[in-house]
Amino acid sequence: MLLQVVMPELSLDKARDLHSARQLAQSIPYELVLLDWWLEQSDGADAIAALRADGCSAPIVVVSGDDREPVMRRALDLGVAGYVRKSAGAQELIEALQTVLAGGKAFSPPSAPARSGLPPLDLALLYPSLTPRQIDVLQQLMRGHSDKQIARLLGIGDTTVKSHVRAILQALKVRSRGEAAHRARSDGAH
């Protein structure tokens, strides 16, 4: 929505899953593709490979909550034109897209701990009321994973993940997953 407001000259199409994205990319010659690294059951590597196999030659910019350096490096190795953190400000996102549309590359650095000069804190120390499994779920939330991805990664059911997420939101006194991740980072978690 931000892009439509700030860059009204852009025409945008949205896909909720890789299958839809592939259908769009096969039928429309896009100038730019924005891709969430964790798109439903696929990771960015699978999505990039599938789009390229389908003939999509547009520059790809990953916009993701997963700002781990190995993931960013993997995206770079796959030839993406940019990688922007979801937590990036509007101006950073706009500048990155303008850079890529002009033929350049744009990469956000991994986010730094909020407690400048101090080492990151362990989530269990920050939030002693959370169970070890809730800590695991919070770590995955901080990486931008969906409930289904968290369930798959931790080997638990979707319903169990949702229950843990509700408990985390209540314990951190926040209303959304994004707020929980932001709060944990602001409190100095790694």
N, C-alpha and C. Protein backbone atom coordinates (compact mmCIF):
# COMPACT_ATOMS: atom_id res chain seq x y z
N MET A 1 0.82 -1.18 0.00
CA MET A 1 0.00 0.00 0.00
C MET A 1 0.87 1.25 0.00
N LEU A 2 1.98 1.19 0.72
CA LEU A 2 2.90 2.32 0.77
C LEU A 2 3.38 2.68 -0.63
N LEU A 3 3.73 1.67 -1.40
CA LEU A 3 4.24 1.92 -2.75
C LEU A 3 3.20 2.60 -3.63
N GLN A 4 1.96 2.20 -3.51
CA GLN A 4 0.91 2.81 -4.33
C GLN A 4 0.72 4.28 -3.98
N VAL A 5 0.94 4.64 -2.73
CA VAL A 5 0.78 6.03 -2.30
C VAL A 5 1.99 6.86 -2.71
N VAL A 6 3.18 6.34 -2.43
CA VAL A 6 4.41 7.12 -2.64
C VAL A 6 4.90 7.09 -4.08
N MET A 7 4.64 5.99 -4.77
CA MET A 7 5.10 5.85 -6.15
C MET A 7 3.89 5.51 -7.03
N PRO A 8 2.97 6.47 -7.22
CA PRO A 8 1.72 6.18 -7.94
C PRO A 8 1.94 5.79 -9.40
N GLU A 9 3.12 6.06 -9.94
CA GLU A 9 3.38 5.69 -11.33
C GLU A 9 3.57 4.18 -11.50
N LEU A 10 3.74 3.48 -10.39
CA LEU A 10 3.91 2.02 -10.46
C LEU A 10 2.56 1.34 -10.60
N SER A 11 2.54 0.30 -11.40
CA SER A 11 1.38 -0.58 -11.50
C SER A 11 1.74 -1.84 -10.74
N LEU A 12 0.93 -2.22 -9.77
CA LEU A 12 1.27 -3.34 -8.89
C LEU A 12 0.31 -4.50 -9.04
N ASP A 13 0.85 -5.70 -9.02
CA ASP A 13 0.07 -6.93 -8.93
C ASP A 13 0.56 -7.66 -7.69
N LYS A 14 -0.34 -8.37 -7.01
CA LYS A 14 0.02 -9.08 -5.78
C LYS A 14 -0.28 -10.56 -5.94
N ALA A 15 0.61 -11.39 -5.38
CA ALA A 15 0.41 -12.83 -5.37
C ALA A 15 0.55 -13.32 -3.93
N ARG A 16 -0.35 -14.19 -3.52
CA ARG A 16 -0.33 -14.69 -2.14
C ARG A 16 0.54 -15.94 -1.99
N ASP A 17 0.87 -16.57 -3.10
CA ASP A 17 1.67 -17.79 -3.03
C ASP A 17 2.52 -17.91 -4.30
N LEU A 18 3.42 -18.87 -4.29
CA LEU A 18 4.34 -19.04 -5.41
C LEU A 18 3.61 -19.41 -6.69
N HIS A 19 2.59 -20.24 -6.59
CA HIS A 19 1.84 -20.64 -7.78
C HIS A 19 1.25 -19.41 -8.48
N SER A 20 0.61 -18.53 -7.70
CA SER A 20 0.03 -17.31 -8.28
C SER A 20 1.10 -16.40 -8.86
N ALA A 21 2.22 -16.29 -8.14
CA ALA A 21 3.32 -15.44 -8.62
C ALA A 21 3.86 -15.97 -9.95
N ARG A 22 3.99 -17.27 -10.05
CA ARG A 22 4.49 -17.86 -11.30
C ARG A 22 3.52 -17.60 -12.45
N GLN A 23 2.23 -17.73 -12.19
CA GLN A 23 1.24 -17.47 -13.26
C GLN A 23 1.33 -16.02 -13.73
N LEU A 24 1.44 -15.09 -12.80
CA LEU A 24 1.56 -13.68 -13.17
C LEU A 24 2.84 -13.44 -13.97
N ALA A 25 3.95 -13.97 -13.49
CA ALA A 25 5.25 -13.74 -14.13
C ALA A 25 5.30 -14.34 -15.54
N GLN A 26 4.55 -15.41 -15.77
CA GLN A 26 4.51 -16.02 -17.10
C GLN A 26 3.68 -15.21 -18.08
N SER A 27 2.74 -14.43 -17.56
CA SER A 27 1.84 -13.72 -18.46
C SER A 27 2.13 -12.22 -18.61
N ILE A 28 2.94 -11.66 -17.71
CA ILE A 28 3.21 -10.21 -17.74
C ILE A 28 4.72 -9.98 -17.67
N PRO A 29 5.27 -9.15 -18.57
CA PRO A 29 6.71 -8.86 -18.51
C PRO A 29 7.00 -7.76 -17.47
N TYR A 30 7.20 -8.14 -16.24
CA TYR A 30 7.40 -7.18 -15.16
C TYR A 30 8.75 -6.47 -15.26
N GLU A 31 8.78 -5.24 -14.74
CA GLU A 31 10.02 -4.47 -14.64
C GLU A 31 10.73 -4.74 -13.32
N LEU A 32 9.96 -5.21 -12.33
CA LEU A 32 10.51 -5.44 -11.00
C LEU A 32 9.62 -6.43 -10.27
N VAL A 33 10.24 -7.32 -9.48
CA VAL A 33 9.50 -8.27 -8.66
C VAL A 33 9.93 -8.07 -7.21
N LEU A 34 8.95 -7.85 -6.33
CA LEU A 34 9.19 -7.80 -4.88
C LEU A 34 8.80 -9.16 -4.34
N LEU A 35 9.66 -9.75 -3.54
CA LEU A 35 9.45 -11.12 -3.10
C LEU A 35 9.72 -11.25 -1.61
N ASP A 36 8.77 -11.80 -0.88
CA ASP A 36 9.00 -12.13 0.52
C ASP A 36 9.81 -13.43 0.53
N TRP A 37 10.89 -13.48 1.29
CA TRP A 37 11.75 -14.67 1.32
C TRP A 37 10.96 -15.90 1.74
N TRP A 38 10.00 -15.74 2.65
CA TRP A 38 9.18 -16.85 3.11
C TRP A 38 7.78 -16.70 2.56
N LEU A 39 7.56 -17.22 1.36
CA LEU A 39 6.28 -17.12 0.66
C LEU A 39 5.56 -18.46 0.80
N GLU A 40 4.60 -18.51 1.74
CA GLU A 40 3.85 -19.73 2.02
C GLU A 40 4.82 -20.87 2.37
N GLN A 41 4.78 -21.96 1.64
CA GLN A 41 5.62 -23.12 1.94
C GLN A 41 7.00 -23.05 1.29
N SER A 42 7.26 -22.00 0.50
CA SER A 42 8.50 -21.90 -0.24
C SER A 42 9.44 -20.89 0.41
N ASP A 43 10.74 -21.16 0.30
CA ASP A 43 11.67 -20.11 0.71
C ASP A 43 12.08 -19.34 -0.54
N GLY A 44 12.78 -18.25 -0.33
CA GLY A 44 13.15 -17.37 -1.43
C GLY A 44 13.96 -18.06 -2.51
N ALA A 45 14.82 -18.98 -2.12
CA ALA A 45 15.65 -19.67 -3.10
C ALA A 45 14.77 -20.45 -4.08
N ASP A 46 13.78 -21.17 -3.54
CA ASP A 46 12.87 -21.92 -4.41
C ASP A 46 12.06 -20.98 -5.30
N ALA A 47 11.58 -19.89 -4.72
CA ALA A 47 10.77 -18.95 -5.48
C ALA A 47 11.58 -18.29 -6.59
N ILE A 48 12.79 -17.88 -6.29
CA ILE A 48 13.65 -17.24 -7.30
C ILE A 48 13.94 -18.22 -8.44
N ALA A 49 14.30 -19.45 -8.08
CA ALA A 49 14.59 -20.46 -9.10
C ALA A 49 13.36 -20.71 -9.98
N ALA A 50 12.19 -20.81 -9.37
CA ALA A 50 10.97 -21.07 -10.14
C ALA A 50 10.64 -19.90 -11.06
N LEU A 51 10.75 -18.67 -10.56
CA LEU A 51 10.47 -17.50 -11.40
C LEU A 51 11.44 -17.42 -12.57
N ARG A 52 12.71 -17.66 -12.30
CA ARG A 52 13.71 -17.62 -13.38
C ARG A 52 13.46 -18.74 -14.39
N ALA A 53 13.08 -19.93 -13.92
CA ALA A 53 12.79 -21.06 -14.81
C ALA A 53 11.59 -20.75 -15.70
N ASP A 54 10.68 -19.93 -15.19
CA ASP A 54 9.50 -19.54 -15.96
C ASP A 54 9.78 -18.40 -16.93
N GLY A 55 11.02 -17.94 -16.95
CA GLY A 55 11.40 -16.89 -17.90
C GLY A 55 11.30 -15.47 -17.37
N CYS A 56 11.08 -15.31 -16.09
CA CYS A 56 11.02 -13.96 -15.50
C CYS A 56 12.43 -13.40 -15.41
N SER A 57 12.70 -12.35 -16.16
CA SER A 57 14.04 -11.76 -16.16
C SER A 57 14.09 -10.44 -15.40
N ALA A 58 12.97 -10.04 -14.80
CA ALA A 58 12.93 -8.78 -14.04
C ALA A 58 13.84 -8.85 -12.83
N PRO A 59 14.41 -7.71 -12.43
CA PRO A 59 15.19 -7.71 -11.19
C PRO A 59 14.27 -8.08 -10.03
N ILE A 60 14.81 -8.84 -9.10
CA ILE A 60 14.05 -9.28 -7.93
C ILE A 60 14.61 -8.59 -6.69
N VAL A 61 13.71 -8.00 -5.91
CA VAL A 61 14.08 -7.40 -4.63
C VAL A 61 13.35 -8.20 -3.55
N VAL A 62 14.12 -8.76 -2.64
CA VAL A 62 13.53 -9.48 -1.51
C VAL A 62 13.20 -8.46 -0.43
N VAL A 63 11.96 -8.50 0.04
CA VAL A 63 11.51 -7.67 1.16
C VAL A 63 11.09 -8.66 2.23
N SER A 64 11.87 -8.75 3.30
CA SER A 64 11.63 -9.82 4.26
C SER A 64 11.90 -9.40 5.69
N GLY A 65 11.21 -10.05 6.60
CA GLY A 65 11.47 -9.87 8.02
C GLY A 65 12.66 -10.68 8.47
N ASP A 66 13.13 -11.57 7.64
CA ASP A 66 14.28 -12.40 7.96
C ASP A 66 15.54 -11.65 7.55
N ASP A 67 16.22 -11.08 8.54
CA ASP A 67 17.40 -10.29 8.22
C ASP A 67 18.70 -10.97 8.66
N ARG A 68 18.66 -12.29 8.73
CA ARG A 68 19.88 -13.02 9.08
C ARG A 68 20.87 -12.92 7.92
N GLU A 69 22.12 -12.71 8.27
CA GLU A 69 23.15 -12.54 7.25
C GLU A 69 23.26 -13.73 6.28
N PRO A 70 23.17 -14.99 6.75
CA PRO A 70 23.26 -16.10 5.79
C PRO A 70 22.12 -16.09 4.76
N VAL A 71 20.93 -15.66 5.18
CA VAL A 71 19.80 -15.60 4.25
C VAL A 71 20.05 -14.50 3.22
N MET A 72 20.52 -13.35 3.70
CA MET A 72 20.83 -12.25 2.78
C MET A 72 21.93 -12.67 1.79
N ARG A 73 22.94 -13.35 2.30
CA ARG A 73 24.04 -13.80 1.45
C ARG A 73 23.53 -14.78 0.40
N ARG A 74 22.64 -15.68 0.81
CA ARG A 74 22.05 -16.66 -0.13
C ARG A 74 21.29 -15.93 -1.23
N ALA A 75 20.52 -14.92 -0.85
CA ALA A 75 19.77 -14.14 -1.84
C ALA A 75 20.73 -13.46 -2.81
N LEU A 76 21.80 -12.89 -2.30
CA LEU A 76 22.81 -12.24 -3.14
C LEU A 76 23.42 -13.25 -4.10
N ASP A 77 23.74 -14.44 -3.58
CA ASP A 77 24.32 -15.50 -4.43
C ASP A 77 23.36 -15.91 -5.54
N LEU A 78 22.07 -15.78 -5.30
CA LEU A 78 21.06 -16.14 -6.30
C LEU A 78 20.81 -15.02 -7.30
N GLY A 79 21.50 -13.90 -7.12
CA GLY A 79 21.43 -12.83 -8.10
C GLY A 79 20.31 -11.83 -7.93
N VAL A 80 19.75 -11.72 -6.71
CA VAL A 80 18.71 -10.71 -6.54
C VAL A 80 19.34 -9.32 -6.64
N ALA A 81 18.52 -8.35 -7.01
CA ALA A 81 19.00 -6.98 -7.19
C ALA A 81 18.94 -6.20 -5.88
N GLY A 82 18.21 -6.72 -4.90
CA GLY A 82 18.12 -6.02 -3.64
C GLY A 82 17.54 -6.89 -2.56
N TYR A 83 17.80 -6.48 -1.32
CA TYR A 83 17.27 -7.16 -0.14
C TYR A 83 16.98 -6.08 0.89
N VAL A 84 15.70 -5.90 1.20
CA VAL A 84 15.29 -4.84 2.12
C VAL A 84 14.54 -5.47 3.28
N ARG A 85 14.92 -5.10 4.49
CA ARG A 85 14.23 -5.59 5.69
C ARG A 85 12.83 -5.01 5.76
N LYS A 86 11.86 -5.81 6.21
CA LYS A 86 10.50 -5.30 6.38
C LYS A 86 10.46 -4.18 7.41
N SER A 87 11.41 -4.19 8.32
CA SER A 87 11.46 -3.15 9.35
C SER A 87 12.09 -1.86 8.84
N ALA A 88 12.54 -1.86 7.60
CA ALA A 88 13.15 -0.66 7.03
C ALA A 88 12.10 0.46 6.95
N GLY A 89 12.57 1.68 7.04
CA GLY A 89 11.66 2.80 6.92
C GLY A 89 11.18 2.97 5.49
N ALA A 90 10.12 3.74 5.34
CA ALA A 90 9.55 3.97 4.01
C ALA A 90 10.58 4.55 3.05
N GLN A 91 11.36 5.50 3.52
CA GLN A 91 12.35 6.14 2.65
C GLN A 91 13.40 5.14 2.17
N GLU A 92 13.83 4.25 3.08
CA GLU A 92 14.83 3.23 2.71
C GLU A 92 14.27 2.30 1.63
N LEU A 93 13.02 1.89 1.77
CA LEU A 93 12.39 1.02 0.78
C LEU A 93 12.28 1.74 -0.57
N ILE A 94 11.82 2.95 -0.55
CA ILE A 94 11.65 3.72 -1.80
C ILE A 94 13.00 3.91 -2.49
N GLU A 95 14.01 4.28 -1.72
CA GLU A 95 15.34 4.48 -2.31
C GLU A 95 15.88 3.18 -2.90
N ALA A 96 15.65 2.08 -2.21
CA ALA A 96 16.11 0.79 -2.72
C ALA A 96 15.43 0.46 -4.05
N LEU A 97 14.12 0.65 -4.12
CA LEU A 97 13.40 0.35 -5.35
C LEU A 97 13.82 1.28 -6.49
N GLN A 98 14.03 2.54 -6.18
CA GLN A 98 14.48 3.48 -7.21
C GLN A 98 15.86 3.10 -7.71
N THR A 99 16.73 2.68 -6.81
CA THR A 99 18.08 2.24 -7.19
C THR A 99 18.02 1.04 -8.13
N VAL A 100 17.19 0.06 -7.76
CA VAL A 100 17.08 -1.15 -8.58
C VAL A 100 16.44 -0.83 -9.93
N LEU A 101 15.40 -0.02 -9.93
CA LEU A 101 14.75 0.35 -11.20
C LEU A 101 15.71 1.11 -12.12
N ALA A 102 16.71 1.79 -11.52
CA ALA A 102 17.71 2.52 -12.30
C ALA A 102 18.88 1.62 -12.71
N GLY A 103 18.80 0.32 -12.36
CA GLY A 103 19.82 -0.63 -12.77
C GLY A 103 20.85 -0.95 -11.71
N GLY A 104 20.69 -0.43 -10.50
CA GLY A 104 21.66 -0.67 -9.43
C GLY A 104 21.26 -1.82 -8.53
N LYS A 105 22.01 -1.95 -7.44
CA LYS A 105 21.75 -2.98 -6.42
C LYS A 105 21.49 -2.28 -5.10
N ALA A 106 20.65 -2.88 -4.27
CA ALA A 106 20.29 -2.27 -2.98
C ALA A 106 20.15 -3.34 -1.92
N PHE A 107 20.98 -3.25 -0.89
CA PHE A 107 20.93 -4.22 0.20
C PHE A 107 20.95 -3.52 1.54
N SER A 108 19.96 -3.84 2.39
CA SER A 108 19.93 -3.33 3.76
C SER A 108 20.91 -4.15 4.58
N PRO A 109 21.65 -3.50 5.46
CA PRO A 109 22.50 -4.28 6.35
C PRO A 109 21.64 -5.03 7.36
N PRO A 110 22.14 -6.14 7.92
CA PRO A 110 21.38 -6.80 8.98
C PRO A 110 21.12 -5.81 10.10
N SER A 111 19.96 -5.91 10.74
CA SER A 111 19.65 -4.96 11.79
C SER A 111 20.56 -5.17 12.98
N ALA A 112 20.93 -4.08 13.60
CA ALA A 112 21.83 -4.12 14.76
C ALA A 112 20.99 -4.16 16.03
N PRO A 113 21.55 -4.72 17.08
CA PRO A 113 20.83 -4.69 18.34
C PRO A 113 20.56 -3.24 18.76
N ALA A 114 19.42 -3.00 19.38
CA ALA A 114 19.03 -1.66 19.77
C ALA A 114 19.92 -1.10 20.87
N ARG A 115 20.57 -1.94 21.62
CA ARG A 115 21.38 -1.52 22.75
C ARG A 115 22.80 -1.27 22.25
N SER A 116 23.04 -0.15 21.61
CA SER A 116 24.32 0.10 20.94
C SER A 116 25.48 -0.10 21.89
N GLY A 117 26.47 -0.83 21.40
CA GLY A 117 27.68 -1.09 22.16
C GLY A 117 27.56 -2.24 23.14
N LEU A 118 26.36 -2.74 23.37
CA LEU A 118 26.18 -3.83 24.31
C LEU A 118 25.83 -5.11 23.56
N PRO A 119 26.23 -6.25 24.09
CA PRO A 119 25.88 -7.50 23.40
C PRO A 119 24.38 -7.75 23.47
N PRO A 120 23.83 -8.49 22.48
CA PRO A 120 22.41 -8.80 22.51
C PRO A 120 22.07 -9.68 23.71
N LEU A 121 20.84 -9.56 24.18
CA LEU A 121 20.39 -10.34 25.32
C LEU A 121 19.66 -11.59 24.86
N ASP A 122 19.70 -12.61 25.68
CA ASP A 122 18.99 -13.85 25.42
C ASP A 122 17.50 -13.62 25.71
N LEU A 123 16.64 -14.14 24.86
CA LEU A 123 15.19 -13.96 25.03
C LEU A 123 14.71 -14.53 26.36
N ALA A 124 15.27 -15.64 26.80
CA ALA A 124 14.85 -16.25 28.06
C ALA A 124 15.17 -15.34 29.24
N LEU A 125 16.26 -14.58 29.16
CA LEU A 125 16.58 -13.63 30.22
C LEU A 125 15.65 -12.42 30.16
N LEU A 126 15.33 -11.99 28.94
CA LEU A 126 14.44 -10.83 28.77
C LEU A 126 13.02 -11.13 29.23
N TYR A 127 12.54 -12.33 28.94
CA TYR A 127 11.15 -12.67 29.19
C TYR A 127 11.06 -13.99 29.97
N PRO A 128 11.37 -13.96 31.27
CA PRO A 128 11.39 -15.20 32.05
C PRO A 128 10.02 -15.87 32.18
N SER A 129 8.93 -15.14 31.91
CA SER A 129 7.60 -15.75 32.02
C SER A 129 7.28 -16.66 30.83
N LEU A 130 8.06 -16.56 29.73
CA LEU A 130 7.81 -17.40 28.56
C LEU A 130 8.43 -18.78 28.75
N THR A 131 7.74 -19.80 28.25
CA THR A 131 8.27 -21.16 28.30
C THR A 131 9.38 -21.30 27.24
N PRO A 132 10.20 -22.32 27.35
CA PRO A 132 11.23 -22.52 26.31
C PRO A 132 10.64 -22.64 24.90
N ARG A 133 9.49 -23.29 24.76
CA ARG A 133 8.87 -23.43 23.44
C ARG A 133 8.36 -22.07 22.95
N GLN A 134 7.83 -21.26 23.85
CA GLN A 134 7.39 -19.92 23.46
C GLN A 134 8.58 -19.06 23.02
N ILE A 135 9.71 -19.25 23.66
CA ILE A 135 10.95 -18.56 23.25
C ILE A 135 11.30 -18.99 21.83
N ASP A 136 11.21 -20.29 21.54
CA ASP A 136 11.49 -20.79 20.19
C ASP A 136 10.57 -20.12 19.17
N VAL A 137 9.28 -20.03 19.51
CA VAL A 137 8.30 -19.42 18.61
C VAL A 137 8.61 -17.93 18.42
N LEU A 138 8.94 -17.24 19.51
CA LEU A 138 9.28 -15.81 19.41
C LEU A 138 10.50 -15.60 18.51
N GLN A 139 11.49 -16.47 18.63
CA GLN A 139 12.67 -16.36 17.75
C GLN A 139 12.26 -16.46 16.28
N GLN A 140 11.33 -17.36 15.99
CA GLN A 140 10.88 -17.52 14.61
C GLN A 140 10.04 -16.32 14.17
N LEU A 141 9.25 -15.76 15.09
CA LEU A 141 8.50 -14.53 14.77
C LEU A 141 9.46 -13.41 14.40
N MET A 142 10.56 -13.32 15.13
CA MET A 142 11.55 -12.27 14.88
C MET A 142 12.20 -12.44 13.51
N ARG A 143 12.15 -13.65 12.99
CA ARG A 143 12.70 -13.92 11.65
C ARG A 143 11.65 -13.72 10.56
N GLY A 144 10.44 -13.36 10.96
CA GLY A 144 9.39 -13.09 9.99
C GLY A 144 8.65 -14.30 9.49
N HIS A 145 8.76 -15.43 10.18
CA HIS A 145 8.12 -16.66 9.73
C HIS A 145 6.63 -16.66 10.04
N SER A 146 5.86 -17.29 9.16
CA SER A 146 4.42 -17.45 9.36
C SER A 146 4.17 -18.60 10.34
N ASP A 147 2.92 -18.73 10.80
CA ASP A 147 2.58 -19.83 11.71
C ASP A 147 2.90 -21.18 11.07
N LYS A 148 2.58 -21.34 9.80
CA LYS A 148 2.84 -22.62 9.13
C LYS A 148 4.35 -22.90 9.06
N GLN A 149 5.12 -21.88 8.77
CA GLN A 149 6.58 -22.07 8.72
C GLN A 149 7.13 -22.43 10.09
N ILE A 150 6.63 -21.75 11.12
CA ILE A 150 7.07 -22.03 12.49
C ILE A 150 6.71 -23.47 12.85
N ALA A 151 5.48 -23.88 12.54
CA ALA A 151 5.06 -25.25 12.83
C ALA A 151 5.98 -26.26 12.16
N ARG A 152 6.30 -26.01 10.89
CA ARG A 152 7.17 -26.92 10.15
C ARG A 152 8.58 -26.94 10.75
N LEU A 153 9.12 -25.76 11.04
CA LEU A 153 10.48 -25.66 11.57
C LEU A 153 10.62 -26.30 12.95
N LEU A 154 9.58 -26.15 13.79
CA LEU A 154 9.66 -26.65 15.16
C LEU A 154 9.02 -28.02 15.33
N GLY A 155 8.38 -28.53 14.27
CA GLY A 155 7.78 -29.85 14.34
C GLY A 155 6.57 -29.90 15.27
N ILE A 156 5.78 -28.81 15.27
CA ILE A 156 4.57 -28.76 16.08
C ILE A 156 3.39 -28.37 15.19
N GLY A 157 2.18 -28.48 15.70
CA GLY A 157 0.99 -28.18 14.92
C GLY A 157 0.72 -26.69 14.81
N ASP A 158 -0.02 -26.32 13.76
CA ASP A 158 -0.40 -24.91 13.55
C ASP A 158 -1.17 -24.36 14.75
N THR A 159 -2.08 -25.16 15.30
CA THR A 159 -2.89 -24.72 16.43
C THR A 159 -2.01 -24.44 17.65
N THR A 160 -1.01 -25.28 17.84
CA THR A 160 -0.07 -25.08 18.95
C THR A 160 0.71 -23.79 18.76
N VAL A 161 1.13 -23.52 17.53
CA VAL A 161 1.85 -22.28 17.25
C VAL A 161 0.96 -21.09 17.59
N LYS A 162 -0.29 -21.12 17.13
CA LYS A 162 -1.21 -20.01 17.39
C LYS A 162 -1.40 -19.79 18.89
N SER A 163 -1.47 -20.87 19.65
CA SER A 163 -1.60 -20.77 21.10
C SER A 163 -0.37 -20.11 21.70
N HIS A 164 0.81 -20.50 21.25
CA HIS A 164 2.05 -19.89 21.74
C HIS A 164 2.13 -18.41 21.37
N VAL A 165 1.71 -18.09 20.15
CA VAL A 165 1.74 -16.69 19.71
C VAL A 165 0.82 -15.84 20.59
N ARG A 166 -0.37 -16.33 20.89
CA ARG A 166 -1.28 -15.59 21.78
C ARG A 166 -0.64 -15.35 23.14
N ALA A 167 0.02 -16.38 23.68
CA ALA A 167 0.68 -16.26 24.98
C ALA A 167 1.82 -15.25 24.93
N ILE A 168 2.56 -15.25 23.83
CA ILE A 168 3.67 -14.30 23.65
C ILE A 168 3.14 -12.87 23.59
N LEU A 169 2.09 -12.65 22.81
CA LEU A 169 1.51 -11.31 22.69
C LEU A 169 1.04 -10.82 24.06
N GLN A 170 0.43 -11.70 24.81
CA GLN A 170 -0.06 -11.33 26.14
C GLN A 170 1.11 -11.02 27.07
N ALA A 171 2.14 -11.86 27.07
CA ALA A 171 3.28 -11.67 27.97
C ALA A 171 4.05 -10.38 27.64
N LEU A 172 4.16 -10.05 26.34
CA LEU A 172 4.89 -8.85 25.94
C LEU A 172 4.00 -7.61 25.91
N LYS A 173 2.70 -7.82 26.18
CA LYS A 173 1.72 -6.73 26.21
C LYS A 173 1.70 -5.96 24.88
N VAL A 174 1.61 -6.74 23.79
CA VAL A 174 1.53 -6.18 22.45
C VAL A 174 0.32 -6.79 21.74
N ARG A 175 -0.05 -6.21 20.59
CA ARG A 175 -1.25 -6.66 19.89
C ARG A 175 -0.97 -7.49 18.64
N SER A 176 0.27 -7.44 18.12
CA SER A 176 0.52 -8.15 16.87
C SER A 176 1.88 -8.84 16.89
N ARG A 177 2.03 -9.75 15.96
CA ARG A 177 3.30 -10.48 15.81
C ARG A 177 4.44 -9.51 15.52
N GLY A 178 4.16 -8.55 14.63
CA GLY A 178 5.19 -7.57 14.28
C GLY A 178 5.61 -6.74 15.49
N GLU A 179 4.63 -6.35 16.30
CA GLU A 179 4.95 -5.60 17.52
C GLU A 179 5.80 -6.45 18.46
N ALA A 180 5.49 -7.74 18.56
CA ALA A 180 6.26 -8.63 19.43
C ALA A 180 7.71 -8.70 18.97
N ALA A 181 7.91 -8.88 17.67
CA ALA A 181 9.28 -8.95 17.13
C ALA A 181 10.01 -7.63 17.35
N HIS A 182 9.31 -6.51 17.09
CA HIS A 182 9.92 -5.20 17.28
C HIS A 182 10.28 -4.97 18.74
N ARG A 183 9.36 -5.34 19.62
CA ARG A 183 9.61 -5.17 21.07
C ARG A 183 10.83 -5.97 21.49
N ALA A 184 10.92 -7.21 21.05
CA ALA A 184 12.06 -8.05 21.43
C ALA A 184 13.38 -7.44 20.94
N ARG A 185 13.38 -6.95 19.70
CA ARG A 185 14.60 -6.32 19.18
C ARG A 185 14.91 -5.03 19.95
N SER A 186 13.89 -4.24 20.25
CA SER A 186 14.08 -2.98 20.99
C SER A 186 14.62 -3.25 22.39
N ASP A 187 14.17 -4.37 22.97
CA ASP A 187 14.64 -4.72 24.30
C ASP A 187 16.05 -5.29 24.28
N GLY A 188 16.59 -5.50 23.08
CA GLY A 188 17.99 -5.94 22.95
C GLY A 188 18.19 -7.40 22.69
N ALA A 189 17.14 -8.09 22.25
CA ALA A 189 17.26 -9.53 21.97
C ALA A 189 18.03 -9.75 20.68
N HIS A 190 18.54 -10.96 20.55
CA HIS A 190 19.21 -11.35 19.30
C HIS A 190 18.44 -12.43 18.62
